[in-house]
Structure formats: structure tokens, C-alpha cells
Amino acid sequence: MNKDILVLGVGNLLLKDEGVGIHVIRTLEKEKLPSNVSLMDGGTGGLHLISWIQDYDR
């Protein structure tokens, strides 16, 4: 069964502004989001993230 929405934050915190996606996820984790929205800190996973994101519609 597919899930609706994934907000995927990617980046490298060690390289300053390249980690912005991870900072966004950390901020969104403090918010009350709809139940059909999932958050994921993808770090620097690259192509290894495909198996995780394929289950989402958006």
C-alpha cells in the first residue's frame, strides 16, 4: 500500500549550507502535520534512498 506524501531532507551537515534539507526536516518534526505526511532525514543517502521513497505517491 502506497503512502501519500514524503518530505525528504537530504544534505551533509558538515558542509554548512549543503545540510539545509536536514535542517528543514528537523524544524518540520516540531510541527503538527497531517497524518498522510511523512518526514525523512535522508542524510547523504543518494541512490540508496530509492527503496524508501518508492512507497510514496508524492
N, C-alpha and C. Protein backbone atom coordinates (compact mmCIF):
# COMPACT_ATOMS: atom_id res chain seq x y z
N MET A 1 0.84 -1.19 0.00
CA MET A 1 0.00 0.00 0.00
C MET A 1 0.88 1.24 0.00
N ASN A 2 0.66 2.12 -0.93
CA ASN A 2 1.43 3.35 -1.02
C ASN A 2 0.98 4.37 0.01
N LYS A 3 1.92 5.15 0.46
CA LYS A 3 1.65 6.24 1.38
C LYS A 3 1.53 7.50 0.54
N ASP A 4 0.99 8.55 1.11
CA ASP A 4 0.74 9.76 0.33
C ASP A 4 1.97 10.61 0.08
N ILE A 5 2.46 11.30 1.08
CA ILE A 5 3.47 12.33 0.86
C ILE A 5 4.69 12.09 1.74
N LEU A 6 5.85 12.19 1.13
CA LEU A 6 7.12 12.11 1.86
C LEU A 6 7.87 13.42 1.65
N VAL A 7 8.25 14.04 2.74
CA VAL A 7 9.14 15.20 2.67
C VAL A 7 10.52 14.65 3.02
N LEU A 8 11.41 14.65 2.04
CA LEU A 8 12.73 14.07 2.19
C LEU A 8 13.77 15.18 2.27
N GLY A 9 14.46 15.23 3.39
CA GLY A 9 15.53 16.21 3.56
C GLY A 9 16.88 15.54 3.33
N VAL A 10 17.65 16.07 2.41
CA VAL A 10 18.96 15.49 2.13
C VAL A 10 20.03 16.56 2.27
N GLY A 11 21.24 16.11 2.54
CA GLY A 11 22.35 17.03 2.63
C GLY A 11 23.39 16.54 3.62
N ASN A 12 24.42 17.32 3.75
CA ASN A 12 25.54 16.97 4.60
C ASN A 12 25.73 18.10 5.61
N LEU A 13 25.45 17.83 6.87
CA LEU A 13 25.55 18.87 7.90
C LEU A 13 26.98 19.39 8.07
N LEU A 14 27.95 18.62 7.69
CA LEU A 14 29.34 19.04 7.86
C LEU A 14 29.75 20.10 6.84
N LEU A 15 28.98 20.23 5.76
CA LEU A 15 29.34 21.18 4.70
C LEU A 15 28.44 22.42 4.72
N LYS A 16 28.07 22.86 5.88
CA LYS A 16 27.31 24.08 6.13
C LYS A 16 25.99 24.13 5.38
N ASP A 17 25.84 25.01 4.36
CA ASP A 17 24.54 25.20 3.71
C ASP A 17 24.08 23.99 2.91
N GLU A 18 24.95 23.03 2.68
CA GLU A 18 24.53 21.83 1.96
C GLU A 18 23.61 20.96 2.82
N GLY A 19 23.53 21.22 4.11
CA GLY A 19 22.68 20.45 5.01
C GLY A 19 21.31 21.05 5.23
N VAL A 20 20.90 21.98 4.38
CA VAL A 20 19.63 22.69 4.59
C VAL A 20 18.44 21.74 4.62
N GLY A 21 18.45 20.69 3.82
CA GLY A 21 17.33 19.75 3.81
C GLY A 21 17.12 19.07 5.15
N ILE A 22 18.21 18.76 5.82
CA ILE A 22 18.13 18.12 7.13
C ILE A 22 17.60 19.11 8.17
N HIS A 23 18.01 20.37 8.07
CA HIS A 23 17.51 21.39 8.99
C HIS A 23 16.01 21.59 8.80
N VAL A 24 15.54 21.53 7.57
CA VAL A 24 14.11 21.66 7.29
C VAL A 24 13.34 20.52 7.95
N ILE A 25 13.84 19.29 7.81
CA ILE A 25 13.16 18.14 8.42
C ILE A 25 13.11 18.30 9.93
N ARG A 26 14.21 18.70 10.54
CA ARG A 26 14.24 18.90 12.00
C ARG A 26 13.24 19.94 12.45
N THR A 27 13.06 20.99 11.67
CA THR A 27 12.08 22.02 12.00
C THR A 27 10.66 21.49 11.82
N LEU A 28 10.41 20.77 10.73
CA LEU A 28 9.07 20.23 10.48
C LEU A 28 8.67 19.17 11.51
N GLU A 29 9.64 18.48 12.09
CA GLU A 29 9.34 17.47 13.11
C GLU A 29 8.69 18.09 14.34
N LYS A 30 8.86 19.37 14.53
CA LYS A 30 8.27 20.08 15.67
C LYS A 30 6.84 20.54 15.39
N GLU A 31 6.40 20.41 14.14
CA GLU A 31 5.08 20.88 13.72
C GLU A 31 4.08 19.72 13.73
N LYS A 32 2.82 20.07 13.83
CA LYS A 32 1.75 19.08 13.70
C LYS A 32 1.38 19.01 12.22
N LEU A 33 1.70 17.88 11.61
CA LEU A 33 1.45 17.70 10.18
C LEU A 33 0.30 16.72 9.96
N PRO A 34 -0.34 16.77 8.81
CA PRO A 34 -1.41 15.80 8.52
C PRO A 34 -0.87 14.37 8.59
N SER A 35 -1.74 13.44 8.89
CA SER A 35 -1.33 12.05 9.06
C SER A 35 -0.81 11.40 7.78
N ASN A 36 -1.11 11.99 6.63
CA ASN A 36 -0.66 11.42 5.36
C ASN A 36 0.71 11.96 4.93
N VAL A 37 1.37 12.74 5.81
CA VAL A 37 2.68 13.31 5.51
C VAL A 37 3.73 12.64 6.39
N SER A 38 4.77 12.12 5.76
CA SER A 38 5.89 11.52 6.48
C SER A 38 7.13 12.36 6.23
N LEU A 39 8.00 12.39 7.23
CA LEU A 39 9.26 13.12 7.12
C LEU A 39 10.41 12.12 7.18
N MET A 40 11.46 12.40 6.41
CA MET A 40 12.63 11.54 6.44
C MET A 40 13.90 12.37 6.30
N ASP A 41 14.83 12.12 7.20
CA ASP A 41 16.17 12.69 7.09
C ASP A 41 16.97 11.73 6.24
N GLY A 42 17.22 12.10 4.99
CA GLY A 42 17.92 11.22 4.06
C GLY A 42 19.43 11.35 4.12
N GLY A 43 19.92 12.31 4.90
CA GLY A 43 21.37 12.49 5.01
C GLY A 43 22.02 12.61 3.65
N THR A 44 23.00 11.77 3.40
CA THR A 44 23.69 11.76 2.11
C THR A 44 23.46 10.43 1.41
N GLY A 45 22.27 9.85 1.62
CA GLY A 45 21.96 8.52 1.11
C GLY A 45 22.00 8.33 -0.39
N GLY A 46 21.75 9.38 -1.16
CA GLY A 46 21.79 9.28 -2.62
C GLY A 46 20.87 8.20 -3.16
N LEU A 47 21.38 7.39 -4.06
CA LEU A 47 20.57 6.35 -4.71
C LEU A 47 20.08 5.29 -3.74
N HIS A 48 20.70 5.18 -2.59
CA HIS A 48 20.25 4.21 -1.59
C HIS A 48 18.87 4.56 -1.02
N LEU A 49 18.41 5.77 -1.26
CA LEU A 49 17.10 6.20 -0.76
C LEU A 49 15.95 5.73 -1.64
N ILE A 50 16.24 5.25 -2.83
CA ILE A 50 15.19 4.86 -3.77
C ILE A 50 14.26 3.82 -3.15
N SER A 51 14.80 2.85 -2.47
CA SER A 51 13.95 1.80 -1.88
C SER A 51 13.00 2.37 -0.83
N TRP A 52 13.37 3.48 -0.21
CA TRP A 52 12.50 4.10 0.79
C TRP A 52 11.43 4.97 0.14
N ILE A 53 11.79 5.72 -0.89
CA ILE A 53 10.84 6.69 -1.45
C ILE A 53 9.87 6.08 -2.44
N GLN A 54 10.13 4.90 -2.93
CA GLN A 54 9.24 4.30 -3.93
C GLN A 54 7.86 3.96 -3.37
N ASP A 55 7.71 3.92 -2.07
CA ASP A 55 6.42 3.60 -1.46
C ASP A 55 5.50 4.81 -1.32
N TYR A 56 5.95 5.97 -1.75
CA TYR A 56 5.18 7.19 -1.59
C TYR A 56 4.65 7.67 -2.94
N ASP A 57 3.45 8.28 -2.90
CA ASP A 57 2.85 8.82 -4.11
C ASP A 57 3.48 10.16 -4.52
N ARG A 58 3.85 10.96 -3.55
CA ARG A 58 4.42 12.29 -3.81
C ARG A 58 5.61 12.51 -2.93
